[in-house]
Amino acid sequence: MKDQVMENSLIYQYNNGWSIRRLSVEYHISRRRISRILNEHERRRSEGVIAQVKPQVRKSKLDPYRDYIHELLGQWKDKHP
């Protein structure tokens, strides 16, 4: 889970001269995670826009039967109020 306050504080302290190792000790997180946070921050700054991933549209097992299901529902709709 992302903790925006922690990430902002980490970036601020890194820009003030703290080493990745020192940040790792202070925040009790791995140096690799700190590097990922800093790299992501730099990528967002260089691109200027946060890249949003669109959800992938997946096929349903019922797709081949969709028309038939709608036809059946239409028949039952008329019989029940």
PDB file of N, CA and C in Angstrom:
ATOM      1  N   MET A   1       0.844  -1.170   0.000  1.00  0.00           N
ATOM      2  CA  MET A   1       0.000   0.000   0.000  1.00  0.00           C
ATOM      3  C   MET A   1       0.894   1.238   0.000  1.00  0.00           C
ATOM      4  N   LYS A   2       0.509   2.215  -0.780  1.00  0.00           N
ATOM      5  CA  LYS A   2       1.294   3.433  -0.865  1.00  0.00           C
ATOM      6  C   LYS A   2       0.953   4.364   0.286  1.00  0.00           C
ATOM      7  N   ASP A   3       1.995   4.933   0.866  1.00  0.00           N
ATOM      8  CA  ASP A   3       1.812   5.937   1.907  1.00  0.00           C
ATOM      9  C   ASP A   3       2.387   7.233   1.343  1.00  0.00           C
ATOM     10  N   GLN A   4       1.507   8.080   0.830  1.00  0.00           N
ATOM     11  CA  GLN A   4       1.915   9.299   0.122  1.00  0.00           C
ATOM     12  C   GLN A   4       2.717  10.237   1.022  1.00  0.00           C
ATOM     13  N   VAL A   5       2.339  10.330   2.280  1.00  0.00           N
ATOM     14  CA  VAL A   5       3.052  11.220   3.199  1.00  0.00           C
ATOM     15  C   VAL A   5       4.491  10.730   3.392  1.00  0.00           C
ATOM     16  N   MET A   6       4.641   9.412   3.574  1.00  0.00           N
ATOM     17  CA  MET A   6       5.968   8.833   3.742  1.00  0.00           C
ATOM     18  C   MET A   6       6.811   9.040   2.492  1.00  0.00           C
ATOM     19  N   GLU A   7       6.221   8.819   1.327  1.00  0.00           N
ATOM     20  CA  GLU A   7       6.957   8.986   0.078  1.00  0.00           C
ATOM     21  C   GLU A   7       7.388  10.438  -0.116  1.00  0.00           C
ATOM     22  N   ASN A   8       6.503  11.381   0.174  1.00  0.00           N
ATOM     23  CA  ASN A   8       6.865  12.794   0.029  1.00  0.00           C
ATOM     24  C   ASN A   8       7.987  13.172   0.978  1.00  0.00           C
ATOM     25  N   SER A   9       7.921  12.682   2.207  1.00  0.00           N
ATOM     26  CA  SER A   9       8.963  12.951   3.183  1.00  0.00           C
ATOM     27  C   SER A   9      10.288  12.336   2.743  1.00  0.00           C
ATOM     28  N   LEU A  10      10.229  11.121   2.235  1.00  0.00           N
ATOM     29  CA  LEU A  10      11.422  10.423   1.757  1.00  0.00           C
ATOM     30  C   LEU A  10      12.076  11.187   0.607  1.00  0.00           C
ATOM     31  N   ILE A  11      11.288  11.640  -0.348  1.00  0.00           N
ATOM     32  CA  ILE A  11      11.806  12.384  -1.499  1.00  0.00           C
ATOM     33  C   ILE A  11      12.413  13.706  -1.037  1.00  0.00           C
ATOM     34  N   TYR A  12      11.730  14.383  -0.113  1.00  0.00           N
ATOM     35  CA  TYR A  12      12.229  15.658   0.416  1.00  0.00           C
ATOM     36  C   TYR A  12      13.588  15.464   1.093  1.00  0.00           C
ATOM     37  N   GLN A  13      13.692  14.445   1.928  1.00  0.00           N
ATOM     38  CA  GLN A  13      14.948  14.207   2.638  1.00  0.00           C
ATOM     39  C   GLN A  13      16.055  13.757   1.687  1.00  0.00           C
ATOM     40  N   TYR A  14      15.717  12.980   0.681  1.00  0.00           N
ATOM     41  CA  TYR A  14      16.719  12.573  -0.306  1.00  0.00           C
ATOM     42  C   TYR A  14      17.260  13.803  -1.045  1.00  0.00           C
ATOM     43  N   ASN A  15      16.366  14.720  -1.395  1.00  0.00           N
ATOM     44  CA  ASN A  15      16.795  15.939  -2.081  1.00  0.00           C
ATOM     45  C   ASN A  15      17.610  16.854  -1.169  1.00  0.00           C
ATOM     46  N   ASN A  16      17.495  16.684   0.145  1.00  0.00           N
ATOM     47  CA  ASN A  16      18.289  17.455   1.092  1.00  0.00           C
ATOM     48  C   ASN A  16      19.608  16.774   1.444  1.00  0.00           C
ATOM     49  N   GLY A  17      19.946  15.699   0.734  1.00  0.00           N
ATOM     50  CA  GLY A  17      21.253  15.093   0.897  1.00  0.00           C
ATOM     51  C   GLY A  17      21.315  13.784   1.653  1.00  0.00           C
ATOM     52  N   TRP A  18      20.197  13.257   2.089  1.00  0.00           N
ATOM     53  CA  TRP A  18      20.209  11.978   2.788  1.00  0.00           C
ATOM     54  C   TRP A  18      20.527  10.872   1.782  1.00  0.00           C
ATOM     55  N   SER A  19      21.297   9.883   2.214  1.00  0.00           N
ATOM     56  CA  SER A  19      21.619   8.754   1.348  1.00  0.00           C
ATOM     57  C   SER A  19      20.482   7.742   1.374  1.00  0.00           C
ATOM     58  N   ILE A  20      20.455   6.888   0.376  1.00  0.00           N
ATOM     59  CA  ILE A  20      19.436   5.849   0.309  1.00  0.00           C
ATOM     60  C   ILE A  20      19.584   4.899   1.497  1.00  0.00           C
ATOM     61  N   ARG A  21      20.809   4.612   1.879  1.00  0.00           N
ATOM     62  CA  ARG A  21      21.047   3.736   3.026  1.00  0.00           C
ATOM     63  C   ARG A  21      20.480   4.353   4.316  1.00  0.00           C
ATOM     64  N   ARG A  22      20.715   5.645   4.519  1.00  0.00           N
ATOM     65  CA  ARG A  22      20.204   6.314   5.713  1.00  0.00           C
ATOM     66  C   ARG A  22      18.677   6.340   5.717  1.00  0.00           C
ATOM     67  N   LEU A  23      18.087   6.609   4.558  1.00  0.00           N
ATOM     68  CA  LEU A  23      16.628   6.589   4.460  1.00  0.00           C
ATOM     69  C   LEU A  23      16.077   5.201   4.784  1.00  0.00           C
ATOM     70  N   SER A  24      16.782   4.175   4.327  1.00  0.00           N
ATOM     71  CA  SER A  24      16.370   2.806   4.584  1.00  0.00           C
ATOM     72  C   SER A  24      16.354   2.511   6.080  1.00  0.00           C
ATOM     73  N   VAL A  25      17.370   2.968   6.787  1.00  0.00           N
ATOM     74  CA  VAL A  25      17.439   2.745   8.228  1.00  0.00           C
ATOM     75  C   VAL A  25      16.356   3.537   8.951  1.00  0.00           C
ATOM     76  N   GLU A  26      16.159   4.794   8.571  1.00  0.00           N
ATOM     77  CA  GLU A  26      15.189   5.659   9.246  1.00  0.00           C
ATOM     78  C   GLU A  26      13.743   5.208   9.035  1.00  0.00           C
ATOM     79  N   TYR A  27      13.408   4.774   7.821  1.00  0.00           N
ATOM     80  CA  TYR A  27      12.030   4.408   7.494  1.00  0.00           C
ATOM     81  C   TYR A  27      11.744   2.917   7.628  1.00  0.00           C
ATOM     82  N   HIS A  28      12.771   2.133   7.900  1.00  0.00           N
ATOM     83  CA  HIS A  28      12.631   0.678   8.057  1.00  0.00           C
ATOM     84  C   HIS A  28      12.043   0.029   6.806  1.00  0.00           C
ATOM     85  N   ILE A  29      12.533   0.464   5.645  1.00  0.00           N
ATOM     86  CA  ILE A  29      12.141  -0.158   4.378  1.00  0.00           C
ATOM     87  C   ILE A  29      13.407  -0.447   3.586  1.00  0.00           C
ATOM     88  N   SER A  30      13.300  -1.296   2.584  1.00  0.00           N
ATOM     89  CA  SER A  30      14.478  -1.721   1.839  1.00  0.00           C
ATOM     90  C   SER A  30      15.007  -0.607   0.938  1.00  0.00           C
ATOM     91  N   ARG A  31      16.292  -0.700   0.659  1.00  0.00           N
ATOM     92  CA  ARG A  31      16.913   0.268  -0.248  1.00  0.00           C
ATOM     93  C   ARG A  31      16.326   0.146  -1.647  1.00  0.00           C
ATOM     94  N   ARG A  32      15.956  -1.068  -2.023  1.00  0.00           N
ATOM     95  CA  ARG A  32      15.366  -1.281  -3.344  1.00  0.00           C
ATOM     96  C   ARG A  32      14.024  -0.548  -3.462  1.00  0.00           C
ATOM     97  N   ARG A  33      13.209  -0.610  -2.404  1.00  0.00           N
ATOM     98  CA  ARG A  33      11.924   0.086  -2.436  1.00  0.00           C
ATOM     99  C   ARG A  33      12.137   1.593  -2.511  1.00  0.00           C
ATOM    100  N   ILE A  34      13.108   2.094  -1.781  1.00  0.00           N
ATOM    101  CA  ILE A  34      13.410   3.525  -1.830  1.00  0.00           C
ATOM    102  C   ILE A  34      13.832   3.918  -3.244  1.00  0.00           C
ATOM    103  N   SER A  35      14.666   3.099  -3.864  1.00  0.00           N
ATOM    104  CA  SER A  35      15.091   3.387  -5.243  1.00  0.00           C
ATOM    105  C   SER A  35      13.902   3.397  -6.192  1.00  0.00           C
ATOM    106  N   ARG A  36      12.972   2.461  -6.016  1.00  0.00           N
ATOM    107  CA  ARG A  36      11.779   2.427  -6.868  1.00  0.00           C
ATOM    108  C   ARG A  36      10.938   3.681  -6.676  1.00  0.00           C
ATOM    109  N   ILE A  37      10.785   4.123  -5.429  1.00  0.00           N
ATOM    110  CA  ILE A  37      10.006   5.329  -5.148  1.00  0.00           C
ATOM    111  C   ILE A  37      10.655   6.533  -5.812  1.00  0.00           C
ATOM    112  N   LEU A  38      11.966   6.655  -5.678  1.00  0.00           N
ATOM    113  CA  LEU A  38      12.676   7.792  -6.261  1.00  0.00           C
ATOM    114  C   LEU A  38      12.634   7.754  -7.788  1.00  0.00           C
ATOM    115  N   ASN A  39      12.789   6.573  -8.368  1.00  0.00           N
ATOM    116  CA  ASN A  39      12.729   6.444  -9.834  1.00  0.00           C
ATOM    117  C   ASN A  39      11.342   6.781 -10.358  1.00  0.00           C
ATOM    118  N   GLU A  40      10.298   6.321  -9.658  1.00  0.00           N
ATOM    119  CA  GLU A  40       8.928   6.629 -10.078  1.00  0.00           C
ATOM    120  C   GLU A  40       8.658   8.126  -9.976  1.00  0.00           C
ATOM    121  N   HIS A  41       9.162   8.745  -8.929  1.00  0.00           N
ATOM    122  CA  HIS A  41       8.998  10.193  -8.769  1.00  0.00           C
ATOM    123  C   HIS A  41       9.687  10.933  -9.919  1.00  0.00           C
ATOM    124  N   GLU A  42      10.878  10.517 -10.261  1.00  0.00           N
ATOM    125  CA  GLU A  42      11.617  11.168 -11.352  1.00  0.00           C
ATOM    126  C   GLU A  42      10.918  10.959 -12.692  1.00  0.00           C
ATOM    127  N   ARG A  43      10.360   9.750 -12.892  1.00  0.00           N
ATOM    128  CA  ARG A  43       9.630   9.472 -14.139  1.00  0.00           C
ATOM    129  C   ARG A  43       8.400  10.360 -14.248  1.00  0.00           C
ATOM    130  N   ARG A  44       7.650  10.517 -13.148  1.00  0.00           N
ATOM    131  CA  ARG A  44       6.465  11.369 -13.174  1.00  0.00           C
ATOM    132  C   ARG A  44       6.834  12.822 -13.437  1.00  0.00           C
ATOM    133  N   ARG A  45       7.938  13.280 -12.884  1.00  0.00           N
ATOM    134  CA  ARG A  45       8.365  14.659 -13.107  1.00  0.00           C
ATOM    135  C   ARG A  45       8.780  14.874 -14.561  1.00  0.00           C
ATOM    136  N   SER A  46       9.477  13.904 -15.149  1.00  0.00           N
ATOM    137  CA  SER A  46       9.954  14.072 -16.523  1.00  0.00           C
ATOM    138  C   SER A  46       8.812  13.984 -17.534  1.00  0.00           C
ATOM    139  N   GLU A  47       7.832  13.105 -17.283  1.00  0.00           N
ATOM    140  CA  GLU A  47       6.704  12.964 -18.208  1.00  0.00           C
ATOM    141  C   GLU A  47       5.678  14.075 -18.022  1.00  0.00           C
ATOM    142  N   GLY A  48       5.547  14.569 -16.814  1.00  0.00           N
ATOM    143  CA  GLY A  48       4.608  15.643 -16.543  1.00  0.00           C
ATOM    144  C   GLY A  48       3.190  15.178 -16.307  1.00  0.00           C
ATOM    145  N   VAL A  49       2.899  13.937 -16.605  1.00  0.00           N
ATOM    146  CA  VAL A  49       1.555  13.399 -16.430  1.00  0.00           C
ATOM    147  C   VAL A  49       1.687  12.005 -15.830  1.00  0.00           C
ATOM    148  N   ILE A  50       0.823  11.700 -14.909  1.00  0.00           N
ATOM    149  CA  ILE A  50       0.815  10.349 -14.353  1.00  0.00           C
ATOM    150  C   ILE A  50       0.166   9.425 -15.375  1.00  0.00           C
ATOM    151  N   ALA A  51       0.908   8.418 -15.780  1.00  0.00           N
ATOM    152  CA  ALA A  51       0.388   7.472 -16.761  1.00  0.00           C
ATOM    153  C   ALA A  51      -0.658   6.588 -16.100  1.00  0.00           C
ATOM    154  N   GLN A  52      -1.862   6.590 -16.645  1.00  0.00           N
ATOM    155  CA  GLN A  52      -2.933   5.774 -16.105  1.00  0.00           C
ATOM    156  C   GLN A  52      -3.127   4.565 -17.002  1.00  0.00           C
ATOM    157  N   VAL A  53      -3.175   3.424 -16.374  1.00  0.00           N
ATOM    158  CA  VAL A  53      -3.355   2.181 -17.105  1.00  0.00           C
ATOM    159  C   VAL A  53      -4.844   1.920 -17.242  1.00  0.00           C
ATOM    160  N   LYS A  54      -5.290   1.730 -18.474  1.00  0.00           N
ATOM    161  CA  LYS A  54      -6.698   1.448 -18.715  1.00  0.00           C
ATOM    162  C   LYS A  54      -6.965  -0.017 -18.369  1.00  0.00           C
ATOM    163  N   PRO A  55      -8.116  -0.294 -17.779  1.00  0.00           N
ATOM    164  CA  PRO A  55      -8.425  -1.685 -17.450  1.00  0.00           C
ATOM    165  C   PRO A  55      -8.570  -2.513 -18.723  1.00  0.00           C
ATOM    166  N   GLN A  56      -8.070  -3.722 -18.644  1.00  0.00           N
ATOM    167  CA  GLN A  56      -8.114  -4.611 -19.791  1.00  0.00           C
ATOM    168  C   GLN A  56      -9.513  -5.211 -19.919  1.00  0.00           C
ATOM    169  N   VAL A  57     -10.081  -5.154 -21.120  1.00  0.00           N
ATOM    170  CA  VAL A  57     -11.395  -5.719 -21.374  1.00  0.00           C
ATOM    171  C   VAL A  57     -11.205  -7.208 -21.631  1.00  0.00           C
ATOM    172  N   ARG A  58     -11.863  -8.009 -20.829  1.00  0.00           N
ATOM    173  CA  ARG A  58     -11.717  -9.455 -20.952  1.00  0.00           C
ATOM    174  C   ARG A  58     -13.005 -10.068 -21.480  1.00  0.00           C
ATOM    175  N   LYS A  59     -12.851 -11.157 -22.173  1.00  0.00           N
ATOM    176  CA  LYS A  59     -14.004 -11.867 -22.706  1.00  0.00           C
ATOM    177  C   LYS A  59     -14.648 -12.685 -21.597  1.00  0.00           C
ATOM    178  N   SER A  60     -15.942 -12.851 -21.724  1.00  0.00           N
ATOM    179  CA  SER A  60     -16.703 -13.650 -20.777  1.00  0.00           C
ATOM    180  C   SER A  60     -17.005 -15.011 -21.398  1.00  0.00           C
ATOM    181  N   LYS A  61     -17.173 -15.999 -20.554  1.00  0.00           N
ATOM    182  CA  LYS A  61     -17.561 -17.317 -21.039  1.00  0.00           C
ATOM    183  C   LYS A  61     -18.959 -17.285 -21.649  1.00  0.00           C
ATOM    184  N   LEU A  62     -19.741 -16.301 -21.238  1.00  0.00           N
ATOM    185  CA  LEU A  62     -21.119 -16.212 -21.713  1.00  0.00           C
ATOM    186  C   LEU A  62     -21.271 -15.387 -22.983  1.00  0.00           C
ATOM    187  N   ASP A  63     -20.201 -14.805 -23.491  1.00  0.00           N
ATOM    188  CA  ASP A  63     -20.289 -13.968 -24.681  1.00  0.00           C
ATOM    189  C   ASP A  63     -20.966 -14.665 -25.866  1.00  0.00           C
ATOM    190  N   PRO A  64     -20.667 -15.935 -26.148  1.00  0.00           N
ATOM    191  CA  PRO A  64     -21.342 -16.579 -27.288  1.00  0.00           C
ATOM    192  C   PRO A  64     -22.853 -16.726 -27.088  1.00  0.00           C
ATOM    193  N   TYR A  65     -23.315 -16.682 -25.833  1.00  0.00           N
ATOM    194  CA  TYR A  65     -24.729 -16.895 -25.527  1.00  0.00           C
ATOM    195  C   TYR A  65     -25.462 -15.607 -25.169  1.00  0.00           C
ATOM    196  N   ARG A  66     -24.803 -14.480 -25.310  1.00  0.00           N
ATOM    197  CA  ARG A  66     -25.369 -13.204 -24.875  1.00  0.00           C
ATOM    198  C   ARG A  66     -26.727 -12.914 -25.537  1.00  0.00           C
ATOM    199  N   ASP A  67     -26.814 -13.093 -26.851  1.00  0.00           N
ATOM    200  CA  ASP A  67     -28.073 -12.818 -27.557  1.00  0.00           C
ATOM    201  C   ASP A  67     -29.196 -13.736 -27.075  1.00  0.00           C
ATOM    202  N   TYR A  68     -28.884 -14.996 -26.886  1.00  0.00           N
ATOM    203  CA  TYR A  68     -29.881 -15.955 -26.430  1.00  0.00           C
ATOM    204  C   TYR A  68     -30.364 -15.611 -25.011  1.00  0.00           C
ATOM    205  N   ILE A  69     -29.447 -15.207 -24.148  1.00  0.00           N
ATOM    206  CA  ILE A  69     -29.808 -14.831 -22.775  1.00  0.00           C
ATOM    207  C   ILE A  69     -30.739 -13.613 -22.786  1.00  0.00           C
ATOM    208  N   HIS A  70     -30.425 -12.626 -23.608  1.00  0.00           N
ATOM    209  CA  HIS A  70     -31.275 -11.432 -23.697  1.00  0.00           C
ATOM    210  C   HIS A  70     -32.662 -11.782 -24.249  1.00  0.00           C
ATOM    211  N   GLU A  71     -32.687 -12.715 -25.173  1.00  0.00           N
ATOM    212  CA  GLU A  71     -33.966 -13.157 -25.733  1.00  0.00           C
ATOM    213  C   GLU A  71     -34.816 -13.826 -24.658  1.00  0.00           C
ATOM    214  N   LEU A  72     -34.205 -14.705 -23.862  1.00  0.00           N
ATOM    215  CA  LEU A  72     -34.930 -15.380 -22.781  1.00  0.00           C
ATOM    216  C   LEU A  72     -35.397 -14.382 -21.724  1.00  0.00           C
ATOM    217  N   LEU A  73     -34.558 -13.444 -21.374  1.00  0.00           N
ATOM    218  CA  LEU A  73     -34.943 -12.438 -20.387  1.00  0.00           C
ATOM    219  C   LEU A  73     -36.100 -11.582 -20.894  1.00  0.00           C
ATOM    220  N   GLY A  74     -36.083 -11.298 -22.191  1.00  0.00           N
ATOM    221  CA  GLY A  74     -37.178 -10.538 -22.774  1.00  0.00           C
ATOM    222  C   GLY A  74     -38.496 -11.285 -22.701  1.00  0.00           C
ATOM    223  N   GLN A  75     -38.470 -12.603 -22.883  1.00  0.00           N
ATOM    224  CA  GLN A  75     -39.679 -13.415 -22.797  1.00  0.00           C
ATOM    225  C   GLN A  75     -40.225 -13.435 -21.376  1.00  0.00           C
ATOM    226  N   TRP A  76     -39.358 -13.584 -20.402  1.00  0.00           N
ATOM    227  CA  TRP A  76     -39.794 -13.662 -19.007  1.00  0.00           C
ATOM    228  C   TRP A  76     -40.211 -12.294 -18.471  1.00  0.00           C
ATOM    229  N   LYS A  77     -39.672 -11.240 -19.028  1.00  0.00           N
ATOM    230  CA  LYS A  77     -40.014  -9.897 -18.580  1.00  0.00           C
ATOM    231  C   LYS A  77     -41.506  -9.620 -18.802  1.00  0.00           C
ATOM    232  N   ASP A  78     -42.026 -10.124 -19.913  1.00  0.00           N
ATOM    233  CA  ASP A  78     -43.423  -9.893 -20.228  1.00  0.00           C
ATOM    234  C   ASP A  78     -44.355 -10.703 -19.316  1.00  0.00           C
ATOM    235  N   LYS A  79     -43.912 -11.844 -18.797  1.00  0.00           N
ATOM    236  CA  LYS A  79     -44.769 -12.723 -18.001  1.00  0.00           C
ATOM    237  C   LYS A  79     -44.803 -12.330 -16.522  1.00  0.00           C
ATOM    238  N   HIS A  80     -43.778 -11.643 -16.051  1.00  0.00           N
ATOM    239  CA  HIS A  80     -43.722 -11.259 -14.636  1.00  0.00           C
ATOM    240  C   HIS A  80     -43.723  -9.730 -14.503  1.00  0.00           C
ATOM    241  N   PRO A  81     -44.554  -9.222 -13.543  1.00  0.00           N
ATOM    242  CA  PRO A  81     -44.631  -7.770 -13.389  1.00  0.00           C
ATOM    243  C   PRO A  81     -43.397  -7.169 -12.786  1.00  0.00           C
TER     244      PRO A  81
END
